[in-house]
Amino acid sequence: QVQLVESGGGLVQPGGSLRLSCAASAASGTILSLNAMGWYRQAPGKQRALVAAITRGGTTSYVDSVKGRFTISRNNAKNSVSLQMNSLKPGDTAVYHCNEAPPKYSWGQGTQVTVSS
């Protein structure tokens, strides 16, 4: 069973930055570089939604609300996917998850991002 582990969240002031990371458990043997991966977020009372994706070839896409502020990348050598988040806004507050795009694996616990002054 594949286990995705997200990390890097925290409390940050508006305008601040965070870098999230996602890795598959070594025991699963999953290679994250084989398929498109995405970062999703779920704010309180809202559905989980895709915010950024990266194809196997490295093409990226973003929802309009994060364009120019978030950057998704992958490190195939480390079998990980990252999300650099800059100019954070209170509206970015959510639990962030990674998964394939479209999602394939069971959801991990995610990492909480709270943007507040």
PDB file of N, CA and C in Angstrom:
ATOM      1  N   GLN A   1       0.845  -1.188   0.000  1.00  0.00           N
ATOM      2  CA  GLN A   1       0.000   0.000   0.000  1.00  0.00           C
ATOM      3  C   GLN A   1       0.883   1.243   0.000  1.00  0.00           C
ATOM      4  N   VAL A   2       0.563   2.140  -0.902  1.00  0.00           N
ATOM      5  CA  VAL A   2       1.365   3.356  -1.023  1.00  0.00           C
ATOM      6  C   VAL A   2       0.987   4.339   0.075  1.00  0.00           C
ATOM      7  N   GLN A   3       1.981   4.878   0.721  1.00  0.00           N
ATOM      8  CA  GLN A   3       1.746   5.913   1.719  1.00  0.00           C
ATOM      9  C   GLN A   3       2.495   7.160   1.296  1.00  0.00           C
ATOM     10  N   LEU A   4       1.750   8.221   1.113  1.00  0.00           N
ATOM     11  CA  LEU A   4       2.336   9.506   0.760  1.00  0.00           C
ATOM     12  C   LEU A   4       2.460  10.339   2.028  1.00  0.00           C
ATOM     13  N   VAL A   5       3.611  10.938   2.218  1.00  0.00           N
ATOM     14  CA  VAL A   5       3.875  11.713   3.428  1.00  0.00           C
ATOM     15  C   VAL A   5       4.193  13.147   3.041  1.00  0.00           C
ATOM     16  N   GLU A   6       3.351  14.046   3.533  1.00  0.00           N
ATOM     17  CA  GLU A   6       3.544  15.464   3.265  1.00  0.00           C
ATOM     18  C   GLU A   6       4.171  16.153   4.484  1.00  0.00           C
ATOM     19  N   SER A   7       4.975  17.157   4.227  1.00  0.00           N
ATOM     20  CA  SER A   7       5.618  17.896   5.309  1.00  0.00           C
ATOM     21  C   SER A   7       5.892  19.330   4.875  1.00  0.00           C
ATOM     22  N   GLY A   8       6.230  20.162   5.845  1.00  0.00           N
ATOM     23  CA  GLY A   8       6.644  21.525   5.537  1.00  0.00           C
ATOM     24  C   GLY A   8       5.639  22.601   5.871  1.00  0.00           C
ATOM     25  N   GLY A   9       4.451  22.220   6.306  1.00  0.00           N
ATOM     26  CA  GLY A   9       3.446  23.215   6.637  1.00  0.00           C
ATOM     27  C   GLY A   9       3.777  23.957   7.921  1.00  0.00           C
ATOM     28  N   GLY A  10       2.920  24.919   8.246  1.00  0.00           N
ATOM     29  CA  GLY A  10       3.119  25.675   9.467  1.00  0.00           C
ATOM     30  C   GLY A  10       2.298  26.939   9.481  1.00  0.00           C
ATOM     31  N   LEU A  11       2.582  27.779  10.457  1.00  0.00           N
ATOM     32  CA  LEU A  11       1.913  29.069  10.599  1.00  0.00           C
ATOM     33  C   LEU A  11       2.822  30.148  10.027  1.00  0.00           C
ATOM     34  N   VAL A  12       2.287  30.953   9.148  1.00  0.00           N
ATOM     35  CA  VAL A  12       3.075  32.001   8.508  1.00  0.00           C
ATOM     36  C   VAL A  12       2.227  33.257   8.370  1.00  0.00           C
ATOM     37  N   GLN A  13       2.866  34.399   8.402  1.00  0.00           N
ATOM     38  CA  GLN A  13       2.150  35.660   8.229  1.00  0.00           C
ATOM     39  C   GLN A  13       1.843  35.906   6.762  1.00  0.00           C
ATOM     40  N   PRO A  14       0.818  36.682   6.488  1.00  0.00           N
ATOM     41  CA  PRO A  14       0.536  37.043   5.090  1.00  0.00           C
ATOM     42  C   PRO A  14       1.773  37.635   4.426  1.00  0.00           C
ATOM     43  N   GLY A  15       2.013  37.182   3.192  1.00  0.00           N
ATOM     44  CA  GLY A  15       3.206  37.608   2.473  1.00  0.00           C
ATOM     45  C   GLY A  15       4.390  36.697   2.654  1.00  0.00           C
ATOM     46  N   GLY A  16       4.290  35.764   3.569  1.00  0.00           N
ATOM     47  CA  GLY A  16       5.374  34.845   3.848  1.00  0.00           C
ATOM     48  C   GLY A  16       5.440  33.690   2.856  1.00  0.00           C
ATOM     49  N   SER A  17       6.393  32.796   3.100  1.00  0.00           N
ATOM     50  CA  SER A  17       6.630  31.669   2.204  1.00  0.00           C
ATOM     51  C   SER A  17       6.743  30.365   2.986  1.00  0.00           C
ATOM     52  N   LEU A  18       6.401  29.296   2.317  1.00  0.00           N
ATOM     53  CA  LEU A  18       6.587  27.942   2.835  1.00  0.00           C
ATOM     54  C   LEU A  18       6.939  27.039   1.669  1.00  0.00           C
ATOM     55  N   ARG A  19       7.636  25.966   1.982  1.00  0.00           N
ATOM     56  CA  ARG A  19       7.946  24.954   0.974  1.00  0.00           C
ATOM     57  C   ARG A  19       7.461  23.606   1.484  1.00  0.00           C
ATOM     58  N   LEU A  20       6.530  23.021   0.753  1.00  0.00           N
ATOM     59  CA  LEU A  20       5.979  21.722   1.112  1.00  0.00           C
ATOM     60  C   LEU A  20       6.701  20.631   0.344  1.00  0.00           C
ATOM     61  N   SER A  21       6.818  19.474   0.982  1.00  0.00           N
ATOM     62  CA  SER A  21       7.435  18.332   0.334  1.00  0.00           C
ATOM     63  C   SER A  21       6.535  17.111   0.465  1.00  0.00           C
ATOM     64  N   CYS A  22       6.644  16.236  -0.509  1.00  0.00           N
ATOM     65  CA  CYS A  22       5.848  15.010  -0.534  1.00  0.00           C
ATOM     66  C   CYS A  22       6.752  13.867  -0.974  1.00  0.00           C
ATOM     67  N   ALA A  23       6.706  12.781  -0.229  1.00  0.00           N
ATOM     68  CA  ALA A  23       7.497  11.611  -0.578  1.00  0.00           C
ATOM     69  C   ALA A  23       6.660  10.368  -0.358  1.00  0.00           C
ATOM     70  N   ALA A  24       6.946   9.356  -1.154  1.00  0.00           N
ATOM     71  CA  ALA A  24       6.286   8.075  -0.972  1.00  0.00           C
ATOM     72  C   ALA A  24       7.111   7.236  -0.008  1.00  0.00           C
ATOM     73  N   SER A  25       6.430   6.478   0.817  1.00  0.00           N
ATOM     74  CA  SER A  25       7.145   5.625   1.762  1.00  0.00           C
ATOM     75  C   SER A  25       8.031   4.653   1.011  1.00  0.00           C
ATOM     76  N   ALA A  26       9.217   4.449   1.508  1.00  0.00           N
ATOM     77  CA  ALA A  26      10.180   3.587   0.831  1.00  0.00           C
ATOM     78  C   ALA A  26       9.655   2.166   0.679  1.00  0.00           C
ATOM     79  N   ALA A  27       8.891   1.734   1.660  1.00  0.00           N
ATOM     80  CA  ALA A  27       8.396   0.369   1.641  1.00  0.00           C
ATOM     81  C   ALA A  27       7.427   0.118   0.486  1.00  0.00           C
ATOM     82  N   SER A  28       6.783   1.189   0.022  1.00  0.00           N
ATOM     83  CA  SER A  28       5.793   1.017  -1.033  1.00  0.00           C
ATOM     84  C   SER A  28       6.460   0.774  -2.381  1.00  0.00           C
ATOM     85  N   GLY A  29       7.687   1.244  -2.520  1.00  0.00           N
ATOM     86  CA  GLY A  29       8.373   1.063  -3.792  1.00  0.00           C
ATOM     87  C   GLY A  29       7.810   1.918  -4.910  1.00  0.00           C
ATOM     88  N   THR A  30       6.985   2.883  -4.575  1.00  0.00           N
ATOM     89  CA  THR A  30       6.343   3.727  -5.586  1.00  0.00           C
ATOM     90  C   THR A  30       7.330   4.751  -6.113  1.00  0.00           C
ATOM     91  N   ILE A  31       7.330   4.898  -7.405  1.00  0.00           N
ATOM     92  CA  ILE A  31       8.187   5.884  -8.038  1.00  0.00           C
ATOM     93  C   ILE A  31       7.309   7.046  -8.465  1.00  0.00           C
ATOM     94  N   LEU A  32       7.452   8.175  -7.783  1.00  0.00           N
ATOM     95  CA  LEU A  32       6.576   9.315  -8.043  1.00  0.00           C
ATOM     96  C   LEU A  32       6.823   9.940  -9.409  1.00  0.00           C
ATOM     97  N   SER A  33       7.960   9.664 -10.008  1.00  0.00           N
ATOM     98  CA  SER A  33       8.281  10.314 -11.272  1.00  0.00           C
ATOM     99  C   SER A  33       7.568   9.684 -12.466  1.00  0.00           C
ATOM    100  N   LEU A  34       6.907   8.558 -12.244  1.00  0.00           N
ATOM    101  CA  LEU A  34       6.327   7.840 -13.377  1.00  0.00           C
ATOM    102  C   LEU A  34       5.048   8.467 -13.908  1.00  0.00           C
ATOM    103  N   ASN A  35       4.378   9.241 -13.055  1.00  0.00           N
ATOM    104  CA  ASN A  35       3.080   9.778 -13.457  1.00  0.00           C
ATOM    105  C   ASN A  35       2.950  11.239 -13.050  1.00  0.00           C
ATOM    106  N   ALA A  36       1.895  11.865 -13.555  1.00  0.00           N
ATOM    107  CA  ALA A  36       1.624  13.237 -13.159  1.00  0.00           C
ATOM    108  C   ALA A  36       1.296  13.286 -11.670  1.00  0.00           C
ATOM    109  N   MET A  37       1.814  14.297 -11.005  1.00  0.00           N
ATOM    110  CA  MET A  37       1.571  14.484  -9.580  1.00  0.00           C
ATOM    111  C   MET A  37       0.930  15.836  -9.338  1.00  0.00           C
ATOM    112  N   GLY A  38       0.204  15.931  -8.251  1.00  0.00           N
ATOM    113  CA  GLY A  38      -0.455  17.191  -7.942  1.00  0.00           C
ATOM    114  C   GLY A  38      -0.441  17.498  -6.461  1.00  0.00           C
ATOM    115  N   TRP A  39      -0.582  18.762  -6.171  1.00  0.00           N
ATOM    116  CA  TRP A  39      -0.823  19.219  -4.815  1.00  0.00           C
ATOM    117  C   TRP A  39      -2.272  19.682  -4.728  1.00  0.00           C
ATOM    118  N   TYR A  40      -2.928  19.234  -3.681  1.00  0.00           N
ATOM    119  CA  TYR A  40      -4.324  19.534  -3.450  1.00  0.00           C
ATOM    120  C   TYR A  40      -4.433  20.248  -2.099  1.00  0.00           C
ATOM    121  N   ARG A  41      -5.518  20.966  -1.908  1.00  0.00           N
ATOM    122  CA  ARG A  41      -5.738  21.561  -0.596  1.00  0.00           C
ATOM    123  C   ARG A  41      -7.216  21.504  -0.238  1.00  0.00           C
ATOM    124  N   GLN A  42      -7.442  21.408   1.071  1.00  0.00           N
ATOM    125  CA  GLN A  42      -8.809  21.370   1.576  1.00  0.00           C
ATOM    126  C   GLN A  42      -8.927  22.362   2.718  1.00  0.00           C
ATOM    127  N   ALA A  43      -9.691  23.404   2.462  1.00  0.00           N
ATOM    128  CA  ALA A  43      -9.949  24.409   3.492  1.00  0.00           C
ATOM    129  C   ALA A  43     -11.146  23.958   4.322  1.00  0.00           C
ATOM    130  N   PRO A  44     -11.269  24.462   5.531  1.00  0.00           N
ATOM    131  CA  PRO A  44     -12.400  24.073   6.384  1.00  0.00           C
ATOM    132  C   PRO A  44     -13.735  24.309   5.685  1.00  0.00           C
ATOM    133  N   GLY A  45     -14.564  23.281   5.686  1.00  0.00           N
ATOM    134  CA  GLY A  45     -15.886  23.395   5.087  1.00  0.00           C
ATOM    135  C   GLY A  45     -15.926  23.340   3.574  1.00  0.00           C
ATOM    136  N   LYS A  46     -14.781  23.060   2.948  1.00  0.00           N
ATOM    137  CA  LYS A  46     -14.735  23.029   1.480  1.00  0.00           C
ATOM    138  C   LYS A  46     -14.230  21.679   0.991  1.00  0.00           C
ATOM    139  N   GLN A  47     -14.477  21.416  -0.272  1.00  0.00           N
ATOM    140  CA  GLN A  47     -14.001  20.189  -0.898  1.00  0.00           C
ATOM    141  C   GLN A  47     -12.500  20.287  -1.165  1.00  0.00           C
ATOM    142  N   ARG A  48     -11.844  19.156  -1.164  1.00  0.00           N
ATOM    143  CA  ARG A  48     -10.435  19.107  -1.552  1.00  0.00           C
ATOM    144  C   ARG A  48     -10.337  19.444  -3.042  1.00  0.00           C
ATOM    145  N   ALA A  49      -9.377  20.280  -3.394  1.00  0.00           N
ATOM    146  CA  ALA A  49      -9.253  20.725  -4.786  1.00  0.00           C
ATOM    147  C   ALA A  49      -7.791  20.755  -5.197  1.00  0.00           C
ATOM    148  N   LEU A  50      -7.572  20.469  -6.469  1.00  0.00           N
ATOM    149  CA  LEU A  50      -6.225  20.503  -7.038  1.00  0.00           C
ATOM    150  C   LEU A  50      -5.787  21.955  -7.215  1.00  0.00           C
ATOM    151  N   VAL A  51      -4.562  22.279  -6.795  1.00  0.00           N
ATOM    152  CA  VAL A  51      -4.067  23.640  -6.985  1.00  0.00           C
ATOM    153  C   VAL A  51      -2.869  23.701  -7.930  1.00  0.00           C
ATOM    154  N   ALA A  52      -2.125  22.604  -8.031  1.00  0.00           N
ATOM    155  CA  ALA A  52      -0.954  22.602  -8.907  1.00  0.00           C
ATOM    156  C   ALA A  52      -0.668  21.171  -9.343  1.00  0.00           C
ATOM    157  N   ALA A  53      -0.182  21.024 -10.562  1.00  0.00           N
ATOM    158  CA  ALA A  53       0.135  19.697 -11.084  1.00  0.00           C
ATOM    159  C   ALA A  53       1.388  19.767 -11.939  1.00  0.00           C
ATOM    160  N   ILE A  54       2.068  18.626 -12.030  1.00  0.00           N
ATOM    161  CA  ILE A  54       3.253  18.535 -12.859  1.00  0.00           C
ATOM    162  C   ILE A  54       3.221  17.196 -13.577  1.00  0.00           C
ATOM    163  N   THR A  55       3.412  17.227 -14.884  1.00  0.00           N
ATOM    164  CA  THR A  55       3.367  15.994 -15.668  1.00  0.00           C
ATOM    165  C   THR A  55       4.669  15.226 -15.528  1.00  0.00           C
ATOM    166  N   ARG A  56       4.664  14.031 -16.080  1.00  0.00           N
ATOM    167  CA  ARG A  56       5.875  13.230 -16.068  1.00  0.00           C
ATOM    168  C   ARG A  56       7.013  13.967 -16.759  1.00  0.00           C
ATOM    169  N   GLY A  57       6.665  14.736 -17.787  1.00  0.00           N
ATOM    170  CA  GLY A  57       7.678  15.461 -18.543  1.00  0.00           C
ATOM    171  C   GLY A  57       8.070  16.801 -17.934  1.00  0.00           C
ATOM    172  N   GLY A  58       7.380  17.195 -16.866  1.00  0.00           N
ATOM    173  CA  GLY A  58       7.751  18.431 -16.191  1.00  0.00           C
ATOM    174  C   GLY A  58       6.888  19.633 -16.512  1.00  0.00           C
ATOM    175  N   THR A  59       5.854  19.446 -17.316  1.00  0.00           N
ATOM    176  CA  THR A  59       4.944  20.559 -17.588  1.00  0.00           C
ATOM    177  C   THR A  59       4.080  20.824 -16.373  1.00  0.00           C
ATOM    178  N   THR A  60       3.972  22.106 -16.018  1.00  0.00           N
ATOM    179  CA  THR A  60       3.232  22.467 -14.805  1.00  0.00           C
ATOM    180  C   THR A  60       1.951  23.203 -15.134  1.00  0.00           C
ATOM    181  N   SER A  61       1.001  23.135 -14.231  1.00  0.00           N
ATOM    182  CA  SER A  61      -0.249  23.875 -14.366  1.00  0.00           C
ATOM    183  C   SER A  61      -0.726  24.269 -12.975  1.00  0.00           C
ATOM    184  N   TYR A  62      -1.473  25.384 -12.911  1.00  0.00           N
ATOM    185  CA  TYR A  62      -1.919  25.934 -11.627  1.00  0.00           C
ATOM    186  C   TYR A  62      -3.335  26.478 -11.754  1.00  0.00           C
ATOM    187  N   VAL A  63      -4.036  26.485 -10.637  1.00  0.00           N
ATOM    188  CA  VAL A  63      -5.308  27.189 -10.630  1.00  0.00           C
ATOM    189  C   VAL A  63      -5.000  28.685 -10.605  1.00  0.00           C
ATOM    190  N   ASP A  64      -5.937  29.466 -11.087  1.00  0.00           N
ATOM    191  CA  ASP A  64      -5.691  30.899 -11.238  1.00  0.00           C
ATOM    192  C   ASP A  64      -5.306  31.572  -9.916  1.00  0.00           C
ATOM    193  N   SER A  65      -5.888  31.116  -8.823  1.00  0.00           N
ATOM    194  CA  SER A  65      -5.678  31.783  -7.539  1.00  0.00           C
ATOM    195  C   SER A  65      -4.246  31.675  -7.014  1.00  0.00           C
ATOM    196  N   VAL A  66      -3.448  30.741  -7.553  1.00  0.00           N
ATOM    197  CA  VAL A  66      -2.082  30.572  -7.058  1.00  0.00           C
ATOM    198  C   VAL A  66      -1.039  30.853  -8.139  1.00  0.00           C
ATOM    199  N   LYS A  67      -1.479  31.118  -9.356  1.00  0.00           N
ATOM    200  CA  LYS A  67      -0.529  31.395 -10.437  1.00  0.00           C
ATOM    201  C   LYS A  67       0.369  32.573 -10.082  1.00  0.00           C
ATOM    202  N   GLY A  68       1.650  32.383 -10.342  1.00  0.00           N
ATOM    203  CA  GLY A  68       2.612  33.436 -10.045  1.00  0.00           C
ATOM    204  C   GLY A  68       3.094  33.438  -8.612  1.00  0.00           C
ATOM    205  N   ARG A  69       2.463  32.649  -7.763  1.00  0.00           N
ATOM    206  CA  ARG A  69       2.857  32.596  -6.351  1.00  0.00           C
ATOM    207  C   ARG A  69       3.377  31.211  -5.946  1.00  0.00           C
ATOM    208  N   PHE A  70       2.805  30.164  -6.520  1.00  0.00           N
ATOM    209  CA  PHE A  70       3.180  28.790  -6.173  1.00  0.00           C
ATOM    210  C   PHE A  70       3.981  28.175  -7.325  1.00  0.00           C
ATOM    211  N   THR A  71       4.925  27.320  -6.969  1.00  0.00           N
ATOM    212  CA  THR A  71       5.705  26.587  -7.965  1.00  0.00           C
ATOM    213  C   THR A  71       5.814  25.135  -7.552  1.00  0.00           C
ATOM    214  N   ILE A  72       5.342  24.242  -8.428  1.00  0.00           N
ATOM    215  CA  ILE A  72       5.447  22.811  -8.170  1.00  0.00           C
ATOM    216  C   ILE A  72       6.684  22.285  -8.891  1.00  0.00           C
ATOM    217  N   SER A  73       7.374  21.359  -8.253  1.00  0.00           N
ATOM    218  CA  SER A  73       8.565  20.781  -8.868  1.00  0.00           C
ATOM    219  C   SER A  73       8.715  19.348  -8.378  1.00  0.00           C
ATOM    220  N   ARG A  74       9.555  18.610  -9.080  1.00  0.00           N
ATOM    221  CA  ARG A  74       9.788  17.228  -8.659  1.00  0.00           C
ATOM    222  C   ARG A  74      11.276  16.964  -8.649  1.00  0.00           C
ATOM    223  N   ASN A  75      11.706  16.137  -7.717  1.00  0.00           N
ATOM    224  CA  ASN A  75      13.098  15.716  -7.619  1.00  0.00           C
ATOM    225  C   ASN A  75      13.088  14.209  -7.783  1.00  0.00           C
ATOM    226  N   ASN A  76      13.336  13.757  -9.000  1.00  0.00           N
ATOM    227  CA  ASN A  76      13.236  12.326  -9.270  1.00  0.00           C
ATOM    228  C   ASN A  76      14.292  11.528  -8.500  1.00  0.00           C
ATOM    229  N   ALA A  77      15.438  12.127  -8.277  1.00  0.00           N
ATOM    230  CA  ALA A  77      16.491  11.426  -7.541  1.00  0.00           C
ATOM    231  C   ALA A  77      16.061  11.148  -6.101  1.00  0.00           C
ATOM    232  N   LYS A  78      15.260  12.050  -5.553  1.00  0.00           N
ATOM    233  CA  LYS A  78      14.779  11.883  -4.176  1.00  0.00           C
ATOM    234  C   LYS A  78      13.361  11.338  -4.126  1.00  0.00           C
ATOM    235  N   ASN A  79      12.810  11.063  -5.321  1.00  0.00           N
ATOM    236  CA  ASN A  79      11.449  10.514  -5.384  1.00  0.00           C
ATOM    237  C   ASN A  79      10.478  11.385  -4.597  1.00  0.00           C
ATOM    238  N   SER A  80      10.534  12.664  -4.851  1.00  0.00           N
ATOM    239  CA  SER A  80       9.699  13.595  -4.101  1.00  0.00           C
ATOM    240  C   SER A  80       9.143  14.688  -5.003  1.00  0.00           C
ATOM    241  N   VAL A  81       8.112  15.329  -4.517  1.00  0.00           N
ATOM    242  CA  VAL A  81       7.480  16.439  -5.203  1.00  0.00           C
ATOM    243  C   VAL A  81       7.353  17.581  -4.196  1.00  0.00           C
ATOM    244  N   SER A  82       7.617  18.793  -4.630  1.00  0.00           N
ATOM    245  CA  SER A  82       7.577  19.938  -3.735  1.00  0.00           C
ATOM    246  C   SER A  82       6.627  21.018  -4.231  1.00  0.00           C
ATOM    247  N   LEU A  83       6.237  21.878  -3.314  1.00  0.00           N
ATOM    248  CA  LEU A  83       5.414  23.033  -3.663  1.00  0.00           C
ATOM    249  C   LEU A  83       5.980  24.245  -2.935  1.00  0.00           C
ATOM    250  N   GLN A  84       6.573  25.148  -3.695  1.00  0.00           N
ATOM    251  CA  GLN A  84       7.073  26.393  -3.131  1.00  0.00           C
ATOM    252  C   GLN A  84       5.943  27.405  -3.154  1.00  0.00           C
ATOM    253  N   MET A  85       5.612  27.938  -1.993  1.00  0.00           N
ATOM    254  CA  MET A  85       4.492  28.864  -1.888  1.00  0.00           C
ATOM    255  C   MET A  85       5.012  30.217  -1.399  1.00  0.00           C
ATOM    256  N   ASN A  86       4.846  31.226  -2.221  1.00  0.00           N
ATOM    257  CA  ASN A  86       5.279  32.576  -1.877  1.00  0.00           C
ATOM    258  C   ASN A  86       4.076  33.504  -1.808  1.00  0.00           C
ATOM    259  N   SER A  87       4.293  34.659  -1.220  1.00  0.00           N
ATOM    260  CA  SER A  87       3.231  35.682  -1.120  1.00  0.00           C
ATOM    261  C   SER A  87       1.936  35.066  -0.595  1.00  0.00           C
ATOM    262  N   LEU A  88       2.049  34.321   0.455  1.00  0.00           N
ATOM    263  CA  LEU A  88       0.885  33.600   0.982  1.00  0.00           C
ATOM    264  C   LEU A  88      -0.178  34.555   1.497  1.00  0.00           C
ATOM    265  N   LYS A  89      -1.424  34.129   1.312  1.00  0.00           N
ATOM    266  CA  LYS A  89      -2.589  34.908   1.712  1.00  0.00           C
ATOM    267  C   LYS A  89      -3.424  34.106   2.702  1.00  0.00           C
ATOM    268  N   PRO A  90      -4.241  34.779   3.500  1.00  0.00           N
ATOM    269  CA  PRO A  90      -5.112  34.031   4.420  1.00  0.00           C
ATOM    270  C   PRO A  90      -5.974  32.997   3.700  1.00  0.00           C
ATOM    271  N   GLY A  91      -6.353  33.286   2.476  1.00  0.00           N
ATOM    272  CA  GLY A  91      -7.165  32.349   1.695  1.00  0.00           C
ATOM    273  C   GLY A  91      -6.435  31.072   1.308  1.00  0.00           C
ATOM    274  N   ASP A  92      -5.124  31.033   1.514  1.00  0.00           N
ATOM    275  CA  ASP A  92      -4.364  29.816   1.232  1.00  0.00           C
ATOM    276  C   ASP A  92      -4.389  28.846   2.414  1.00  0.00           C
ATOM    277  N   THR A  93      -4.975  29.256   3.517  1.00  0.00           N
ATOM    278  CA  THR A  93      -5.056  28.396   4.689  1.00  0.00           C
ATOM    279  C   THR A  93      -5.845  27.132   4.371  1.00  0.00           C
ATOM    280  N   ALA A  94      -5.232  25.984   4.606  1.00  0.00           N
ATOM    281  CA  ALA A  94      -5.847  24.707   4.267  1.00  0.00           C
ATOM    282  C   ALA A  94      -4.908  23.573   4.690  1.00  0.00           C
ATOM    283  N   VAL A  95      -5.417  22.356   4.611  1.00  0.00           N
ATOM    284  CA  VAL A  95      -4.567  21.178   4.704  1.00  0.00           C
ATOM    285  C   VAL A  95      -4.157  20.814   3.285  1.00  0.00           C
ATOM    286  N   TYR A  96      -2.871  20.679   3.063  1.00  0.00           N
ATOM    287  CA  TYR A  96      -2.337  20.403   1.737  1.00  0.00           C
ATOM    288  C   TYR A  96      -1.942  18.929   1.637  1.00  0.00           C
ATOM    289  N   HIS A  97      -2.337  18.319   0.518  1.00  0.00           N
ATOM    290  CA  HIS A  97      -2.056  16.918   0.251  1.00  0.00           C
ATOM    291  C   HIS A  97      -1.385  16.786  -1.108  1.00  0.00           C
ATOM    292  N   CYS A  98      -0.631  15.716  -1.278  1.00  0.00           N
ATOM    293  CA  CYS A  98      -0.141  15.386  -2.610  1.00  0.00           C
ATOM    294  C   CYS A  98      -0.751  14.052  -3.023  1.00  0.00           C
ATOM    295  N   ASN A  99      -0.800  13.832  -4.297  1.00  0.00           N
ATOM    296  CA  ASN A  99      -1.322  12.599  -4.866  1.00  0.00           C
ATOM    297  C   ASN A  99      -1.049  12.653  -6.351  1.00  0.00           C
ATOM    298  N   GLU A 100      -1.329  11.574  -7.030  1.00  0.00           N
ATOM    299  CA  GLU A 100      -1.247  11.647  -8.476  1.00  0.00           C
ATOM    300  C   GLU A 100      -2.357  12.583  -8.958  1.00  0.00           C
ATOM    301  N   ALA A 101      -2.195  13.019 -10.207  1.00  0.00           N
ATOM    302  CA  ALA A 101      -3.203  13.876 -10.818  1.00  0.00           C
ATOM    303  C   ALA A 101      -3.678  13.200 -12.109  1.00  0.00           C
ATOM    304  N   PRO A 102      -4.920  12.665 -12.121  1.00  0.00           N
ATOM    305  CA  PRO A 102      -5.912  12.647 -11.048  1.00  0.00           C
ATOM    306  C   PRO A 102      -5.486  11.726  -9.902  1.00  0.00           C
ATOM    307  N   PRO A 103      -6.100  11.884  -8.744  1.00  0.00           N
ATOM    308  CA  PRO A 103      -5.666  11.119  -7.571  1.00  0.00           C
ATOM    309  C   PRO A 103      -5.858   9.621  -7.749  1.00  0.00           C
ATOM    310  N   LYS A 104      -4.893   8.880  -7.235  1.00  0.00           N
ATOM    311  CA  LYS A 104      -4.909   7.422  -7.378  1.00  0.00           C
ATOM    312  C   LYS A 104      -4.772   6.734  -6.027  1.00  0.00           C
ATOM    313  N   TYR A 105      -3.950   7.308  -5.150  1.00  0.00           N
ATOM    314  CA  TYR A 105      -3.637   6.654  -3.891  1.00  0.00           C
ATOM    315  C   TYR A 105      -4.556   7.138  -2.759  1.00  0.00           C
ATOM    316  N   SER A 106      -4.535   6.386  -1.672  1.00  0.00           N
ATOM    317  CA  SER A 106      -5.247   6.840  -0.477  1.00  0.00           C
ATOM    318  C   SER A 106      -4.612   8.144  -0.001  1.00  0.00           C
ATOM    319  N   TRP A 107      -5.453   9.017   0.535  1.00  0.00           N
ATOM    320  CA  TRP A 107      -4.948  10.298   0.994  1.00  0.00           C
ATOM    321  C   TRP A 107      -4.152  10.149   2.279  1.00  0.00           C
ATOM    322  N   GLY A 108      -3.026  10.861   2.342  1.00  0.00           N
ATOM    323  CA  GLY A 108      -2.253  10.904   3.561  1.00  0.00           C
ATOM    324  C   GLY A 108      -2.865  11.905   4.528  1.00  0.00           C
ATOM    325  N   GLN A 109      -2.162  12.156   5.605  1.00  0.00           N
ATOM    326  CA  GLN A 109      -2.677  13.091   6.608  1.00  0.00           C
ATOM    327  C   GLN A 109      -2.558  14.539   6.163  1.00  0.00           C
ATOM    328  N   GLY A 110      -1.695  14.795   5.215  1.00  0.00           N
ATOM    329  CA  GLY A 110      -1.519  16.154   4.744  1.00  0.00           C
ATOM    330  C   GLY A 110      -0.689  16.991   5.700  1.00  0.00           C
ATOM    331  N   THR A 111      -0.499  18.234   5.317  1.00  0.00           N
ATOM    332  CA  THR A 111       0.247  19.159   6.162  1.00  0.00           C
ATOM    333  C   THR A 111      -0.530  20.474   6.237  1.00  0.00           C
ATOM    334  N   GLN A 112      -0.705  20.959   7.451  1.00  0.00           N
ATOM    335  CA  GLN A 112      -1.524  22.151   7.679  1.00  0.00           C
ATOM    336  C   GLN A 112      -0.739  23.414   7.359  1.00  0.00           C
ATOM    337  N   VAL A 113      -1.344  24.266   6.568  1.00  0.00           N
ATOM    338  CA  VAL A 113      -0.788  25.587   6.276  1.00  0.00           C
ATOM    339  C   VAL A 113      -1.773  26.625   6.804  1.00  0.00           C
ATOM    340  N   THR A 114      -1.307  27.475   7.678  1.00  0.00           N
ATOM    341  CA  THR A 114      -2.148  28.520   8.243  1.00  0.00           C
ATOM    342  C   THR A 114      -1.483  29.866   7.985  1.00  0.00           C
ATOM    343  N   VAL A 115      -2.210  30.733   7.308  1.00  0.00           N
ATOM    344  CA  VAL A 115      -1.693  32.059   6.984  1.00  0.00           C
ATOM    345  C   VAL A 115      -2.495  33.069   7.796  1.00  0.00           C
ATOM    346  N   SER A 116      -1.847  33.676   8.757  1.00  0.00           N
ATOM    347  CA  SER A 116      -2.551  34.572   9.661  1.00  0.00           C
ATOM    348  C   SER A 116      -1.566  35.529  10.315  1.00  0.00           C
ATOM    349  N   SER A 117      -2.050  36.730  10.574  1.00  0.00           N
ATOM    350  CA  SER A 117      -1.224  37.700  11.277  1.00  0.00           C
ATOM    351  C   SER A 117      -1.495  37.644  12.782  1.00  0.00           C
TER     352      SER A 117
END
